[in-house]
Amino acid sequence: MGIHVVIQPLVGYGAAVVSPSPGVRQLVAGSEETSFIVQVPARIGGLMDTARFAQSLAAAASEFSEWCETQHRTRSHSSSFHDHWSDAADDAVTRKND
């Protein structure tokens, strides 16, 4: 059984490495109200497991960021895409008001 956390970022969301106490570091992502935290497990091998996880997370985050930026450019500059969604929204409002 697993836990799946879905985050849909808002303006102001970010990520940082914080040190809540001397010698302890955590990766914190989200906002002041909502965040997730990556901690090093207190066990043999925990540091290297966390390092590998953080490297994997960073690589995947970079790839995802590039995809989001490409999609934003494609969708922001395509008048036919914008017109399509504007027309669809207008049609939905018209149907709702009928």
C-alpha atoms as a PDB file:
ATOM      1  CA  MET A   1       0.000   0.000   0.000  1.00  0.00           C
ATOM      2  CA  GLY A   2       1.400   3.394  -0.942  1.00  0.00           C
ATOM      3  CA  ILE A   3       0.660   7.010  -0.328  1.00  0.00           C
ATOM      4  CA  HIS A   4       0.331   9.291  -3.334  1.00  0.00           C
ATOM      5  CA  VAL A   5       0.614  13.031  -2.846  1.00  0.00           C
ATOM      6  CA  VAL A   6      -0.534  15.316  -5.661  1.00  0.00           C
ATOM      7  CA  ILE A   7       0.625  18.917  -5.690  1.00  0.00           C
ATOM      8  CA  GLN A   8      -0.736  21.475  -8.127  1.00  0.00           C
ATOM      9  CA  PRO A   9       1.606  24.402  -7.485  1.00  0.00           C
ATOM     10  CA  LEU A  10       0.369  27.936  -6.974  1.00  0.00           C
ATOM     11  CA  VAL A  11       2.281  31.189  -7.301  1.00  0.00           C
ATOM     12  CA  GLY A  12       4.860  31.309  -4.527  1.00  0.00           C
ATOM     13  CA  TYR A  13       5.491  27.583  -4.268  1.00  0.00           C
ATOM     14  CA  GLY A  14       9.163  26.643  -4.261  1.00  0.00           C
ATOM     15  CA  ALA A  15      11.784  24.329  -2.852  1.00  0.00           C
ATOM     16  CA  ALA A  16      14.705  24.819  -0.488  1.00  0.00           C
ATOM     17  CA  VAL A  17      17.185  22.963   1.663  1.00  0.00           C
ATOM     18  CA  VAL A  18      16.659  23.885   5.304  1.00  0.00           C
ATOM     19  CA  SER A  19      18.530  23.079   8.477  1.00  0.00           C
ATOM     20  CA  PRO A  20      16.013  22.736  11.345  1.00  0.00           C
ATOM     21  CA  SER A  21      18.820  21.889  13.776  1.00  0.00           C
ATOM     22  CA  PRO A  22      22.634  21.680  13.670  1.00  0.00           C
ATOM     23  CA  GLY A  23      23.822  18.846  11.449  1.00  0.00           C
ATOM     24  CA  VAL A  24      20.349  18.142  10.040  1.00  0.00           C
ATOM     25  CA  ARG A  25      19.215  19.091   6.556  1.00  0.00           C
ATOM     26  CA  GLN A  26      15.883  18.599   4.848  1.00  0.00           C
ATOM     27  CA  LEU A  27      14.564  19.212   1.352  1.00  0.00           C
ATOM     28  CA  VAL A  28      11.301  21.157   1.661  1.00  0.00           C
ATOM     29  CA  ALA A  29       8.991  21.827  -1.284  1.00  0.00           C
ATOM     30  CA  GLY A  30       5.675  23.631  -1.422  1.00  0.00           C
ATOM     31  CA  SER A  31       4.588  26.698   0.520  1.00  0.00           C
ATOM     32  CA  GLU A  32       4.335  27.806   4.129  1.00  0.00           C
ATOM     33  CA  GLU A  33       0.834  26.324   4.327  1.00  0.00           C
ATOM     34  CA  THR A  34       1.439  23.086   2.437  1.00  0.00           C
ATOM     35  CA  SER A  35       4.725  21.278   1.919  1.00  0.00           C
ATOM     36  CA  PHE A  36       6.413  17.961   1.663  1.00  0.00           C
ATOM     37  CA  ILE A  37       9.743  17.223   3.302  1.00  0.00           C
ATOM     38  CA  VAL A  38      12.487  14.780   2.371  1.00  0.00           C
ATOM     39  CA  GLN A  39      14.559  13.656   5.358  1.00  0.00           C
ATOM     40  CA  VAL A  40      17.544  11.345   5.689  1.00  0.00           C
ATOM     41  CA  PRO A  41      16.459   8.103   7.370  1.00  0.00           C
ATOM     42  CA  ALA A  42      18.366   7.270  10.567  1.00  0.00           C
ATOM     43  CA  ARG A  43      19.844   3.999   9.380  1.00  0.00           C
ATOM     44  CA  ILE A  44      22.990   2.664   7.801  1.00  0.00           C
ATOM     45  CA  GLY A  45      22.984   3.620   4.125  1.00  0.00           C
ATOM     46  CA  GLY A  46      20.357   6.309   4.658  1.00  0.00           C
ATOM     47  CA  LEU A  47      22.597   9.138   3.472  1.00  0.00           C
ATOM     48  CA  MET A  48      23.467   7.433   0.180  1.00  0.00           C
ATOM     49  CA  ASP A  49      19.891   6.285  -0.422  1.00  0.00           C
ATOM     50  CA  THR A  50      18.704   9.854   0.125  1.00  0.00           C
ATOM     51  CA  ALA A  51      21.464  11.253  -2.102  1.00  0.00           C
ATOM     52  CA  ARG A  52      20.431   8.920  -4.939  1.00  0.00           C
ATOM     53  CA  PHE A  53      16.777   9.797  -4.424  1.00  0.00           C
ATOM     54  CA  ALA A  54      17.521  13.545  -4.433  1.00  0.00           C
ATOM     55  CA  GLN A  55      19.600  13.205  -7.625  1.00  0.00           C
ATOM     56  CA  SER A  56      16.818  11.237  -9.285  1.00  0.00           C
ATOM     57  CA  LEU A  57      14.232  13.753  -8.106  1.00  0.00           C
ATOM     58  CA  ALA A  58      16.331  16.673  -9.408  1.00  0.00           C
ATOM     59  CA  ALA A  59      16.756  15.050 -12.834  1.00  0.00           C
ATOM     60  CA  ALA A  60      13.041  14.255 -13.115  1.00  0.00           C
ATOM     61  CA  ALA A  61      12.096  17.753 -11.903  1.00  0.00           C
ATOM     62  CA  SER A  62      14.357  19.308 -14.528  1.00  0.00           C
ATOM     63  CA  GLU A  63      12.823  17.189 -17.295  1.00  0.00           C
ATOM     64  CA  PHE A  64       9.298  18.016 -16.078  1.00  0.00           C
ATOM     65  CA  SER A  65      10.134  21.720 -15.864  1.00  0.00           C
ATOM     66  CA  GLU A  66      11.398  21.735 -19.451  1.00  0.00           C
ATOM     67  CA  TRP A  67       8.223  19.977 -20.622  1.00  0.00           C
ATOM     68  CA  CYS A  68       6.004  22.491 -18.765  1.00  0.00           C
ATOM     69  CA  GLU A  69       7.906  25.430 -20.264  1.00  0.00           C
ATOM     70  CA  THR A  70       7.629  23.965 -23.776  1.00  0.00           C
ATOM     71  CA  GLN A  71       3.916  23.340 -23.325  1.00  0.00           C
ATOM     72  CA  HIS A  72       3.439  26.891 -22.029  1.00  0.00           C
ATOM     73  CA  ARG A  73       5.218  28.379 -25.050  1.00  0.00           C
ATOM     74  CA  THR A  74       3.287  26.155 -27.439  1.00  0.00           C
ATOM     75  CA  ARG A  75      -0.082  26.840 -25.852  1.00  0.00           C
ATOM     76  CA  SER A  76       0.551  30.538 -25.187  1.00  0.00           C
ATOM     77  CA  HIS A  77       1.552  31.347 -28.736  1.00  0.00           C
ATOM     78  CA  SER A  78      -0.877  29.219 -30.675  1.00  0.00           C
ATOM     79  CA  SER A  79      -3.859  31.356 -31.613  1.00  0.00           C
ATOM     80  CA  SER A  80      -5.726  28.343 -32.973  1.00  0.00           C
ATOM     81  CA  PHE A  81      -5.334  26.564 -29.614  1.00  0.00           C
ATOM     82  CA  HIS A  82      -6.540  29.641 -27.702  1.00  0.00           C
ATOM     83  CA  ASP A  83      -9.379  30.213 -30.158  1.00  0.00           C
ATOM     84  CA  HIS A  84     -10.417  26.552 -29.875  1.00  0.00           C
ATOM     85  CA  TRP A  85     -10.670  26.745 -26.072  1.00  0.00           C
ATOM     86  CA  SER A  86     -12.322  30.173 -26.155  1.00  0.00           C
ATOM     87  CA  ASP A  87     -14.932  28.888 -28.610  1.00  0.00           C
ATOM     88  CA  ALA A  88     -15.500  25.783 -26.481  1.00  0.00           C
ATOM     89  CA  ALA A  89     -15.976  27.931 -23.361  1.00  0.00           C
ATOM     90  CA  ASP A  90     -18.404  30.224 -25.201  1.00  0.00           C
ATOM     91  CA  ASP A  91     -20.376  27.198 -26.414  1.00  0.00           C
ATOM     92  CA  ALA A  92     -20.544  25.808 -22.862  1.00  0.00           C
ATOM     93  CA  VAL A  93     -21.853  29.103 -21.493  1.00  0.00           C
ATOM     94  CA  THR A  94     -24.416  29.352 -24.299  1.00  0.00           C
ATOM     95  CA  ARG A  95     -25.644  25.796 -23.635  1.00  0.00           C
ATOM     96  CA  LYS A  96     -25.857  26.475 -19.894  1.00  0.00           C
ATOM     97  CA  ASN A  97     -27.911  29.612 -20.440  1.00  0.00           C
ATOM     98  CA  ASP A  98     -30.313  27.881 -22.891  1.00  0.00           C
END
